[in-house]
Amino acid sequence: MFIKSFRLKDLITICGVALLGLALGIGVLLLAAHAAGGAGGGASRAESAAESAAESSAESAVESSAESPSDSSSEAPAEGSLPAEGQKTVYLTYDDGPSAMTAEILDVLKEKEVPATFFVIGATTDRGKALYQRILDEGHAIGLHTYSHRYQQIYESADAFLEDYQKLSDHLADVAGVEPDICRFPGGSVNNIADPAILKEIKAELSDEGIVWFDWNALAKDDGASATPAEEMFENILESAGDSEELVILMHDDALRSTAAECTAMLIDHYRELGYTFGKLTAETPCVQFPDR
């Protein structure tokens, strides 16, 4: 009995020790699993945080891009708008059209996204009438340059000038649906053809009608009997313009001016690089006018 009792007791002890060891092992395993689970959760949270930061950064970049102003120097200003204070501005102007060269000039202006002003005369052909409309449709300004452009006739008297002027105004209203309130005198508002007293009377009448006239402060000198080379026109304009920050450039648009479009492209590239914007003349634009004699 003693021997049997001893073995049973011993067996119970061994079993107890084994159970205790098993319990301890299970506890260690549970602790390890918990620790591993915690580490895995931390890694997941870190990855989530990184992804969240990346998404936030991307969203911020998109918002920043959307809020940043785009370069609008090549865009045409709204009609009637005035240049911002301190803004250097070029007004490209063309006298005597529409002509066989007008479409080429318009093509360059369209490609470069630049507005201009065309001081036109009386066109009666279908092509001429269509060019009036194209000038307007593409966002440019039309000004009056008299119907006939015949110096001796229009400057014979104030009445002669105003009659010719009104004929063009009526013509444009009829064929293009526009009644311009800006004009340019053939030869300029001070010239060697018209009597100064006649010019003074004409100006008074135009002013009473709310018509604004523009001269120029830079010119291409392209009114000879043949086309002036584009490079020469360009140099003439730069020389006469000097460092003025508001340029009204005079060029011509008639059948002989086959280099006008090329010079136009050169001028746009040059002055855009210098930080100028481009505008079209309106009655609200600060006037460039010759002083009366």
C-alpha atoms as a PDB file:
ATOM      1  CA  MET A   1       0.000   0.000   0.000  1.00  0.00           C
ATOM      2  CA  PHE A   2       2.788   2.374   0.828  1.00  0.00           C
ATOM      3  CA  ILE A   3       4.447   1.760  -2.529  1.00  0.00           C
ATOM      4  CA  LYS A   4       1.139   2.244  -4.415  1.00  0.00           C
ATOM      5  CA  SER A   5       0.292   5.392  -2.500  1.00  0.00           C
ATOM      6  CA  PHE A   6       3.710   6.810  -3.263  1.00  0.00           C
ATOM      7  CA  ARG A   7       3.331   6.230  -6.982  1.00  0.00           C
ATOM      8  CA  LEU A   8      -0.137   7.754  -7.115  1.00  0.00           C
ATOM      9  CA  LYS A   9       1.065  10.770  -5.215  1.00  0.00           C
ATOM     10  CA  ASP A  10       4.036  11.062  -7.447  1.00  0.00           C
ATOM     11  CA  LEU A  11       1.838  10.820 -10.506  1.00  0.00           C
ATOM     12  CA  ILE A  12      -0.443  13.542  -9.208  1.00  0.00           C
ATOM     13  CA  THR A  13       2.557  15.795  -8.605  1.00  0.00           C
ATOM     14  CA  ILE A  14       3.917  15.172 -12.070  1.00  0.00           C
ATOM     15  CA  CYS A  15       0.530  15.886 -13.631  1.00  0.00           C
ATOM     16  CA  GLY A  16       0.218  19.089 -11.647  1.00  0.00           C
ATOM     17  CA  VAL A  17       3.633  20.240 -12.781  1.00  0.00           C
ATOM     18  CA  ALA A  18       2.749  19.411 -16.379  1.00  0.00           C
ATOM     19  CA  LEU A  19      -0.523  21.292 -16.207  1.00  0.00           C
ATOM     20  CA  LEU A  20       1.226  24.278 -14.692  1.00  0.00           C
ATOM     21  CA  GLY A  21       3.823  24.219 -17.456  1.00  0.00           C
ATOM     22  CA  LEU A  22       1.100  24.002 -20.091  1.00  0.00           C
ATOM     23  CA  ALA A  23      -0.705  26.946 -18.555  1.00  0.00           C
ATOM     24  CA  LEU A  24       2.506  28.952 -18.487  1.00  0.00           C
ATOM     25  CA  GLY A  25       3.200  28.076 -22.127  1.00  0.00           C
ATOM     26  CA  ILE A  26      -0.264  29.098 -23.208  1.00  0.00           C
ATOM     27  CA  GLY A  27       0.149  32.403 -21.348  1.00  0.00           C
ATOM     28  CA  VAL A  28       3.460  33.069 -23.044  1.00  0.00           C
ATOM     29  CA  LEU A  29       1.920  32.311 -26.430  1.00  0.00           C
ATOM     30  CA  LEU A  30      -0.997  34.654 -25.754  1.00  0.00           C
ATOM     31  CA  LEU A  31       1.363  37.432 -24.692  1.00  0.00           C
ATOM     32  CA  ALA A  32       3.462  36.957 -27.820  1.00  0.00           C
ATOM     33  CA  ALA A  33       0.396  36.994 -30.026  1.00  0.00           C
ATOM     34  CA  HIS A  34      -0.866  40.153 -28.393  1.00  0.00           C
ATOM     35  CA  ALA A  35       2.514  41.811 -28.830  1.00  0.00           C
ATOM     36  CA  ALA A  36       2.659  40.749 -32.455  1.00  0.00           C
ATOM     37  CA  GLY A  37      -0.878  42.008 -33.012  1.00  0.00           C
ATOM     38  CA  GLY A  38       0.003  45.361 -31.452  1.00  0.00           C
ATOM     39  CA  ALA A  39       3.092  45.707 -33.644  1.00  0.00           C
ATOM     40  CA  GLY A  40       1.079  44.838 -36.742  1.00  0.00           C
ATOM     41  CA  GLY A  41      -1.566  47.424 -35.835  1.00  0.00           C
ATOM     42  CA  GLY A  42       1.133  50.048 -35.404  1.00  0.00           C
ATOM     43  CA  ALA A  43       2.513  49.300 -38.847  1.00  0.00           C
ATOM     44  CA  SER A  44      -0.978  49.515 -40.351  1.00  0.00           C
ATOM     45  CA  ARG A  45      -1.594  52.843 -38.666  1.00  0.00           C
ATOM     46  CA  ALA A  46       1.752  54.143 -39.926  1.00  0.00           C
ATOM     47  CA  GLU A  47       0.903  53.073 -43.452  1.00  0.00           C
ATOM     48  CA  SER A  48      -2.535  54.695 -43.153  1.00  0.00           C
ATOM     49  CA  ALA A  49      -0.993  57.878 -41.857  1.00  0.00           C
ATOM     50  CA  ALA A  50       1.489  57.920 -44.748  1.00  0.00           C
ATOM     51  CA  GLU A  51      -1.263  57.345 -47.271  1.00  0.00           C
ATOM     52  CA  SER A  52      -3.390  60.035 -45.656  1.00  0.00           C
ATOM     53  CA  ALA A  53      -0.480  62.491 -45.759  1.00  0.00           C
ATOM     54  CA  ALA A  54       0.193  61.680 -49.398  1.00  0.00           C
ATOM     55  CA  GLU A  55      -3.451  62.183 -50.300  1.00  0.00           C
ATOM     56  CA  SER A  56      -3.553  65.439 -48.381  1.00  0.00           C
ATOM     57  CA  SER A  57      -0.396  66.624 -50.140  1.00  0.00           C
ATOM     58  CA  ALA A  58      -1.825  65.734 -53.536  1.00  0.00           C
ATOM     59  CA  GLU A  59      -5.074  67.547 -52.762  1.00  0.00           C
ATOM     60  CA  SER A  60      -3.133  70.590 -51.602  1.00  0.00           C
ATOM     61  CA  ALA A  61      -1.099  70.546 -54.802  1.00  0.00           C
ATOM     62  CA  VAL A  62      -4.255  70.410 -56.902  1.00  0.00           C
ATOM     63  CA  GLU A  63      -5.859  73.222 -54.909  1.00  0.00           C
ATOM     64  CA  SER A  64      -2.680  75.278 -55.167  1.00  0.00           C
ATOM     65  CA  SER A  65      -2.578  74.753 -58.915  1.00  0.00           C
ATOM     66  CA  ALA A  66      -6.226  75.723 -59.253  1.00  0.00           C
ATOM     67  CA  GLU A  67      -5.764  78.869 -57.181  1.00  0.00           C
ATOM     68  CA  SER A  68      -2.569  80.002 -58.925  1.00  0.00           C
ATOM     69  CA  PRO A  69      -3.295  82.656 -61.560  1.00  0.00           C
ATOM     70  CA  SER A  70      -2.485  81.567 -65.095  1.00  0.00           C
ATOM     71  CA  ASP A  71      -0.333  83.638 -67.453  1.00  0.00           C
ATOM     72  CA  SER A  72      -2.883  85.747 -69.288  1.00  0.00           C
ATOM     73  CA  SER A  73      -0.449  88.041 -71.165  1.00  0.00           C
ATOM     74  CA  SER A  74      -1.410  86.514 -74.473  1.00  0.00           C
ATOM     75  CA  GLU A  75      -5.165  86.910 -73.872  1.00  0.00           C
ATOM     76  CA  ALA A  76      -7.098  89.734 -75.438  1.00  0.00           C
ATOM     77  CA  PRO A  77      -8.399  92.259 -72.910  1.00  0.00           C
ATOM     78  CA  ALA A  78     -12.156  92.656 -72.576  1.00  0.00           C
ATOM     79  CA  GLU A  79     -13.692  95.291 -74.835  1.00  0.00           C
ATOM     80  CA  GLY A  80     -13.638  98.691 -73.218  1.00  0.00           C
ATOM     81  CA  SER A  81     -11.232  97.597 -70.506  1.00  0.00           C
ATOM     82  CA  LEU A  82      -8.435  99.920 -69.474  1.00  0.00           C
ATOM     83  CA  PRO A  83      -4.908  98.716 -68.755  1.00  0.00           C
ATOM     84  CA  ALA A  84      -4.119  98.231 -65.087  1.00  0.00           C
ATOM     85  CA  GLU A  85      -2.110 100.963 -63.421  1.00  0.00           C
ATOM     86  CA  GLY A  86       1.523 100.527 -64.319  1.00  0.00           C
ATOM     87  CA  GLN A  87       0.739  98.000 -67.063  1.00  0.00           C
ATOM     88  CA  LYS A  88       2.731  98.555 -70.250  1.00  0.00           C
ATOM     89  CA  THR A  89       0.405  98.329 -73.254  1.00  0.00           C
ATOM     90  CA  VAL A  90       0.758  98.120 -77.020  1.00  0.00           C
ATOM     91  CA  TYR A  91      -2.078  99.086 -79.353  1.00  0.00           C
ATOM     92  CA  LEU A  92      -1.482  97.739 -82.853  1.00  0.00           C
ATOM     93  CA  THR A  93      -3.388  99.874 -85.382  1.00  0.00           C
ATOM     94  CA  TYR A  94      -3.807  99.498 -89.133  1.00  0.00           C
ATOM     95  CA  ASP A  95      -5.006 102.242 -91.499  1.00  0.00           C
ATOM     96  CA  ASP A  96      -6.654 102.086 -94.939  1.00  0.00           C
ATOM     97  CA  GLY A  97      -8.139  98.577 -94.978  1.00  0.00           C
ATOM     98  CA  PRO A  98      -9.783  96.281 -95.549  1.00  0.00           C
ATOM     99  CA  SER A  99      -7.514  95.045 -98.327  1.00  0.00           C
ATOM    100  CA  ALA A 100      -5.971  91.972 -99.906  1.00  0.00           C
ATOM    101  CA  MET A 101      -3.550  91.902 -96.939  1.00  0.00           C
ATOM    102  CA  THR A 102      -6.103  92.128 -94.123  1.00  0.00           C
ATOM    103  CA  ALA A 103      -6.693  88.386 -93.863  1.00  0.00           C
ATOM    104  CA  GLU A 104      -2.975  87.693 -93.418  1.00  0.00           C
ATOM    105  CA  ILE A 105      -2.775  90.249 -90.611  1.00  0.00           C
ATOM    106  CA  LEU A 106      -5.849  88.749 -88.960  1.00  0.00           C
ATOM    107  CA  ASP A 107      -4.353  85.266 -89.205  1.00  0.00           C
ATOM    108  CA  VAL A 108      -1.272  86.385 -87.253  1.00  0.00           C
ATOM    109  CA  LEU A 109      -3.348  88.194 -84.637  1.00  0.00           C
ATOM    110  CA  LYS A 110      -5.515  85.102 -84.191  1.00  0.00           C
ATOM    111  CA  GLU A 111      -2.528  82.789 -83.862  1.00  0.00           C
ATOM    112  CA  LYS A 112      -0.891  85.088 -81.293  1.00  0.00           C
ATOM    113  CA  GLU A 113      -4.216  85.807 -79.504  1.00  0.00           C
ATOM    114  CA  VAL A 114      -3.747  89.567 -79.698  1.00  0.00           C
ATOM    115  CA  PRO A 115      -6.382  92.262 -80.350  1.00  0.00           C
ATOM    116  CA  ALA A 116      -5.856  95.204 -82.669  1.00  0.00           C
ATOM    117  CA  THR A 117      -7.631  98.230 -84.122  1.00  0.00           C
ATOM    118  CA  PHE A 118      -8.435  98.723 -87.806  1.00  0.00           C
ATOM    119  CA  PHE A 119      -9.158 102.256 -89.025  1.00  0.00           C
ATOM    120  CA  VAL A 120     -11.082 101.408 -92.175  1.00  0.00           C
ATOM    121  CA  ILE A 121     -12.288 103.138 -95.313  1.00  0.00           C
ATOM    122  CA  GLY A 122     -15.310 102.416 -97.509  1.00  0.00           C
ATOM    123  CA  ALA A 123     -15.261  98.864 -98.910  1.00  0.00           C
ATOM    124  CA  THR A 124     -17.998  97.892-101.334  1.00  0.00           C
ATOM    125  CA  THR A 125     -16.847  94.454-102.543  1.00  0.00           C
ATOM    126  CA  ASP A 126     -18.135  91.255-100.981  1.00  0.00           C
ATOM    127  CA  ARG A 127     -14.625  90.480 -99.768  1.00  0.00           C
ATOM    128  CA  GLY A 128     -14.277  93.874 -98.127  1.00  0.00           C
ATOM    129  CA  LYS A 129     -17.635  93.597 -96.393  1.00  0.00           C
ATOM    130  CA  ALA A 130     -16.762  90.092 -95.169  1.00  0.00           C
ATOM    131  CA  LEU A 131     -13.484  91.411 -93.761  1.00  0.00           C
ATOM    132  CA  TYR A 132     -15.335  94.080 -91.765  1.00  0.00           C
ATOM    133  CA  GLN A 133     -17.292  91.262 -90.177  1.00  0.00           C
ATOM    134  CA  ARG A 134     -14.258  89.071 -89.584  1.00  0.00           C
ATOM    135  CA  ILE A 135     -12.465  91.924 -87.829  1.00  0.00           C
ATOM    136  CA  LEU A 136     -15.392  92.264 -85.450  1.00  0.00           C
ATOM    137  CA  ASP A 137     -16.031  88.539 -85.035  1.00  0.00           C
ATOM    138  CA  GLU A 138     -12.424  87.941 -83.977  1.00  0.00           C
ATOM    139  CA  GLY A 139     -12.604  90.562 -81.249  1.00  0.00           C
ATOM    140  CA  HIS A 140     -10.861  93.542 -82.831  1.00  0.00           C
ATOM    141  CA  ALA A 141     -11.975  97.162 -82.945  1.00  0.00           C
ATOM    142  CA  ILE A 142     -13.051  99.123 -85.998  1.00  0.00           C
ATOM    143  CA  GLY A 143     -12.486 102.855 -86.218  1.00  0.00           C
ATOM    144  CA  LEU A 144     -13.438 105.334 -88.948  1.00  0.00           C
ATOM    145  CA  HIS A 145     -10.841 106.620 -91.414  1.00  0.00           C
ATOM    146  CA  THR A 146     -13.262 108.387 -93.818  1.00  0.00           C
ATOM    147  CA  TYR A 147     -15.064 106.703 -96.675  1.00  0.00           C
ATOM    148  CA  SER A 148     -13.030 107.945 -99.635  1.00  0.00           C
ATOM    149  CA  HIS A 149      -9.644 108.708 -98.009  1.00  0.00           C
ATOM    150  CA  ARG A 150      -9.133 111.394-100.683  1.00  0.00           C
ATOM    151  CA  TYR A 151      -7.165 114.110 -98.946  1.00  0.00           C
ATOM    152  CA  GLN A 152      -7.956 117.008-101.282  1.00  0.00           C
ATOM    153  CA  GLN A 153     -11.647 116.198-101.204  1.00  0.00           C
ATOM    154  CA  ILE A 154     -12.174 115.557 -97.491  1.00  0.00           C
ATOM    155  CA  TYR A 155     -10.043 118.475 -96.308  1.00  0.00           C
ATOM    156  CA  GLU A 156     -11.657 121.027 -98.627  1.00  0.00           C
ATOM    157  CA  SER A 157     -13.909 122.071 -95.747  1.00  0.00           C
ATOM    158  CA  ALA A 158     -15.225 120.830 -92.418  1.00  0.00           C
ATOM    159  CA  ASP A 159     -18.546 120.003 -94.081  1.00  0.00           C
ATOM    160  CA  ALA A 160     -16.799 117.950 -96.762  1.00  0.00           C
ATOM    161  CA  PHE A 161     -14.938 115.944 -94.155  1.00  0.00           C
ATOM    162  CA  LEU A 162     -17.981 115.336 -91.996  1.00  0.00           C
ATOM    163  CA  GLU A 163     -20.121 114.316 -94.981  1.00  0.00           C
ATOM    164  CA  ASP A 164     -17.525 111.749 -96.065  1.00  0.00           C
ATOM    165  CA  TYR A 165     -17.104 110.600 -92.480  1.00  0.00           C
ATOM    166  CA  GLN A 166     -20.861 110.138 -92.040  1.00  0.00           C
ATOM    167  CA  LYS A 167     -21.057 108.155 -95.265  1.00  0.00           C
ATOM    168  CA  LEU A 168     -18.613 105.619 -93.839  1.00  0.00           C
ATOM    169  CA  SER A 169     -20.422 105.525 -90.499  1.00  0.00           C
ATOM    170  CA  ASP A 170     -23.718 104.776 -92.236  1.00  0.00           C
ATOM    171  CA  HIS A 171     -22.041 102.179 -94.469  1.00  0.00           C
ATOM    172  CA  LEU A 172     -20.603 100.265 -91.496  1.00  0.00           C
ATOM    173  CA  ALA A 173     -23.905 100.379 -89.662  1.00  0.00           C
ATOM    174  CA  ASP A 174     -25.598  98.933 -92.717  1.00  0.00           C
ATOM    175  CA  VAL A 175     -23.165  96.167 -93.696  1.00  0.00           C
ATOM    176  CA  ALA A 176     -21.547  95.270 -90.349  1.00  0.00           C
ATOM    177  CA  GLY A 177     -24.035  96.474 -87.734  1.00  0.00           C
ATOM    178  CA  VAL A 178     -21.470  98.628 -85.947  1.00  0.00           C
ATOM    179  CA  GLU A 179     -21.310 102.378 -85.285  1.00  0.00           C
ATOM    180  CA  PRO A 180     -17.746 103.193 -84.212  1.00  0.00           C
ATOM    181  CA  ASP A 181     -17.062 106.069 -81.842  1.00  0.00           C
ATOM    182  CA  ILE A 182     -13.330 106.243 -82.558  1.00  0.00           C
ATOM    183  CA  CYS A 183     -11.586 107.585 -85.640  1.00  0.00           C
ATOM    184  CA  ARG A 184      -8.258 108.533 -87.156  1.00  0.00           C
ATOM    185  CA  PHE A 185      -7.749 111.476 -89.490  1.00  0.00           C
ATOM    186  CA  PRO A 186      -6.066 110.553 -92.790  1.00  0.00           C
ATOM    187  CA  GLY A 187      -2.575 111.951 -92.345  1.00  0.00           C
ATOM    188  CA  GLY A 188      -3.186 112.495 -88.626  1.00  0.00           C
ATOM    189  CA  SER A 189      -5.106 115.129 -86.699  1.00  0.00           C
ATOM    190  CA  VAL A 190      -2.351 117.611 -87.559  1.00  0.00           C
ATOM    191  CA  ASN A 191      -1.078 117.376 -91.141  1.00  0.00           C
ATOM    192  CA  ASN A 192       0.311 119.388 -94.012  1.00  0.00           C
ATOM    193  CA  ILE A 193      -2.742 119.033 -96.238  1.00  0.00           C
ATOM    194  CA  ALA A 194      -5.618 120.496 -94.234  1.00  0.00           C
ATOM    195  CA  ASP A 195      -5.944 124.075 -93.111  1.00  0.00           C
ATOM    196  CA  PRO A 196      -5.506 124.163 -89.302  1.00  0.00           C
ATOM    197  CA  ALA A 197      -8.749 126.147 -88.986  1.00  0.00           C
ATOM    198  CA  ILE A 198     -10.643 123.414 -90.857  1.00  0.00           C
ATOM    199  CA  LEU A 199      -9.107 120.723 -88.665  1.00  0.00           C
ATOM    200  CA  LYS A 200     -10.089 122.673 -85.564  1.00  0.00           C
ATOM    201  CA  GLU A 201     -13.692 122.907 -86.764  1.00  0.00           C
ATOM    202  CA  ILE A 202     -13.806 119.194 -87.569  1.00  0.00           C
ATOM    203  CA  LYS A 203     -12.470 118.270 -84.134  1.00  0.00           C
ATOM    204  CA  ALA A 204     -15.064 120.446 -82.425  1.00  0.00           C
ATOM    205  CA  GLU A 205     -17.865 118.729 -84.361  1.00  0.00           C
ATOM    206  CA  LEU A 206     -16.528 115.250 -83.599  1.00  0.00           C
ATOM    207  CA  SER A 207     -16.150 116.062 -79.916  1.00  0.00           C
ATOM    208  CA  ASP A 208     -19.746 117.287 -79.780  1.00  0.00           C
ATOM    209  CA  GLU A 209     -20.803 113.893 -81.184  1.00  0.00           C
ATOM    210  CA  GLY A 210     -18.736 111.973 -78.607  1.00  0.00           C
ATOM    211  CA  ILE A 211     -16.236 110.754 -81.217  1.00  0.00           C
ATOM    212  CA  VAL A 212     -12.639 110.269 -80.048  1.00  0.00           C
ATOM    213  CA  TRP A 213      -9.722 110.481 -82.484  1.00  0.00           C
ATOM    214  CA  PHE A 214      -6.362 108.798 -82.118  1.00  0.00           C
ATOM    215  CA  ASP A 215      -2.995 109.631 -83.599  1.00  0.00           C
ATOM    216  CA  TRP A 216       0.121 107.519 -82.850  1.00  0.00           C
ATOM    217  CA  ASN A 217       3.455 107.630 -81.040  1.00  0.00           C
ATOM    218  CA  ALA A 218       5.232 104.905 -83.015  1.00  0.00           C
ATOM    219  CA  LEU A 219       5.132 104.265 -86.745  1.00  0.00           C
ATOM    220  CA  ALA A 220       6.429 101.777 -89.275  1.00  0.00           C
ATOM    221  CA  LYS A 221       7.035 104.309 -92.074  1.00  0.00           C
ATOM    222  CA  ASP A 222       5.446 101.808 -94.430  1.00  0.00           C
ATOM    223  CA  ASP A 223       3.445 104.176 -96.639  1.00  0.00           C
ATOM    224  CA  GLY A 224       5.785 104.267 -99.630  1.00  0.00           C
ATOM    225  CA  ALA A 225       5.121 103.210-103.200  1.00  0.00           C
ATOM    226  CA  SER A 226       6.257  99.652-102.470  1.00  0.00           C
ATOM    227  CA  ALA A 227       6.291  97.285 -99.512  1.00  0.00           C
ATOM    228  CA  THR A 228       8.747  98.176 -96.769  1.00  0.00           C
ATOM    229  CA  PRO A 229      10.741  95.128 -95.573  1.00  0.00           C
ATOM    230  CA  ALA A 230       9.352  93.747 -92.313  1.00  0.00           C
ATOM    231  CA  GLU A 231      12.686  94.124 -90.509  1.00  0.00           C
ATOM    232  CA  GLU A 232      12.877  97.779 -91.534  1.00  0.00           C
ATOM    233  CA  MET A 233       9.321  98.394 -90.358  1.00  0.00           C
ATOM    234  CA  PHE A 234      10.177  96.725 -87.066  1.00  0.00           C
ATOM    235  CA  GLU A 235      13.267  98.885 -86.538  1.00  0.00           C
ATOM    236  CA  ASN A 236      11.369 102.060 -87.447  1.00  0.00           C
ATOM    237  CA  ILE A 237       8.735 101.268 -84.842  1.00  0.00           C
ATOM    238  CA  LEU A 238      11.248 100.517 -82.106  1.00  0.00           C
ATOM    239  CA  GLU A 239      13.177 103.708 -82.860  1.00  0.00           C
ATOM    240  CA  SER A 240      10.094 105.936 -82.840  1.00  0.00           C
ATOM    241  CA  ALA A 241       8.556 104.219 -79.797  1.00  0.00           C
ATOM    242  CA  GLY A 242      11.517 104.741 -77.502  1.00  0.00           C
ATOM    243  CA  ASP A 243      10.779 103.564 -73.974  1.00  0.00           C
ATOM    244  CA  SER A 244       7.117 104.630 -73.896  1.00  0.00           C
ATOM    245  CA  GLU A 245       4.937 102.347 -71.787  1.00  0.00           C
ATOM    246  CA  GLU A 246       1.781 103.069 -73.817  1.00  0.00           C
ATOM    247  CA  LEU A 247       2.346 102.567 -77.522  1.00  0.00           C
ATOM    248  CA  VAL A 248      -0.096 103.323 -80.311  1.00  0.00           C
ATOM    249  CA  ILE A 249       1.655 101.858 -83.336  1.00  0.00           C
ATOM    250  CA  LEU A 250       0.707 102.972 -86.855  1.00  0.00           C
ATOM    251  CA  MET A 251       0.929 100.463 -89.702  1.00  0.00           C
ATOM    252  CA  HIS A 252      -0.933 100.316 -92.990  1.00  0.00           C
ATOM    253  CA  ASP A 253      -3.279  97.748 -94.454  1.00  0.00           C
ATOM    254  CA  ASP A 254      -3.569  98.057 -98.216  1.00  0.00           C
ATOM    255  CA  ALA A 255      -2.710  95.905-101.218  1.00  0.00           C
ATOM    256  CA  LEU A 256       0.943  97.054-101.227  1.00  0.00           C
ATOM    257  CA  ARG A 257       1.640  96.177 -97.578  1.00  0.00           C
ATOM    258  CA  SER A 258       2.643  92.562 -98.139  1.00  0.00           C
ATOM    259  CA  THR A 259       5.058  92.628 -95.177  1.00  0.00           C
ATOM    260  CA  ALA A 260       2.574  93.915 -92.572  1.00  0.00           C
ATOM    261  CA  ALA A 261       1.691  90.471 -91.236  1.00  0.00           C
ATOM    262  CA  GLU A 262       5.335  89.477 -90.818  1.00  0.00           C
ATOM    263  CA  CYS A 263       6.143  92.698 -88.975  1.00  0.00           C
ATOM    264  CA  THR A 264       3.085  92.195 -86.776  1.00  0.00           C
ATOM    265  CA  ALA A 265       4.386  88.815 -85.617  1.00  0.00           C
ATOM    266  CA  MET A 266       7.801  90.306 -84.856  1.00  0.00           C
ATOM    267  CA  LEU A 267       6.278  93.129 -82.828  1.00  0.00           C
ATOM    268  CA  ILE A 268       4.078  90.820 -80.763  1.00  0.00           C
ATOM    269  CA  ASP A 269       6.971  88.519 -79.879  1.00  0.00           C
ATOM    270  CA  HIS A 270       9.255  91.447 -79.027  1.00  0.00           C
ATOM    271  CA  TYR A 271       6.887  93.431 -76.842  1.00  0.00           C
ATOM    272  CA  ARG A 272       5.429  90.379 -75.138  1.00  0.00           C
ATOM    273  CA  GLU A 273       8.947  89.397 -74.085  1.00  0.00           C
ATOM    274  CA  LEU A 274       9.353  92.888 -72.592  1.00  0.00           C
ATOM    275  CA  GLY A 275       6.225  92.436 -70.474  1.00  0.00           C
ATOM    276  CA  TYR A 276       3.754  94.459 -72.508  1.00  0.00           C
ATOM    277  CA  THR A 277       0.134  93.469 -72.907  1.00  0.00           C
ATOM    278  CA  PHE A 278      -1.924  94.195 -76.019  1.00  0.00           C
ATOM    279  CA  GLY A 279      -5.172  96.095 -76.295  1.00  0.00           C
ATOM    280  CA  LYS A 280      -7.610  97.569 -78.754  1.00  0.00           C
ATOM    281  CA  LEU A 281      -8.572 101.214 -78.773  1.00  0.00           C
ATOM    282  CA  THR A 282     -11.923 102.367 -77.411  1.00  0.00           C
ATOM    283  CA  ALA A 283     -13.394 105.748 -76.607  1.00  0.00           C
ATOM    284  CA  GLU A 284     -12.287 105.153 -72.998  1.00  0.00           C
ATOM    285  CA  THR A 285      -8.626 104.478 -73.854  1.00  0.00           C
ATOM    286  CA  PRO A 286      -6.285 107.317 -72.827  1.00  0.00           C
ATOM    287  CA  CYS A 287      -5.805 109.299 -76.030  1.00  0.00           C
ATOM    288  CA  VAL A 288      -2.604 109.675 -77.965  1.00  0.00           C
ATOM    289  CA  GLN A 289      -3.166 112.897 -79.928  1.00  0.00           C
ATOM    290  CA  PHE A 290      -0.882 115.382 -81.653  1.00  0.00           C
ATOM    291  CA  PRO A 291      -0.882 118.862 -80.109  1.00  0.00           C
ATOM    292  CA  ASP A 292      -2.619 121.512 -82.212  1.00  0.00           C
ATOM    293  CA  ARG A 293      -0.405 123.914 -84.056  1.00  0.00           C
END
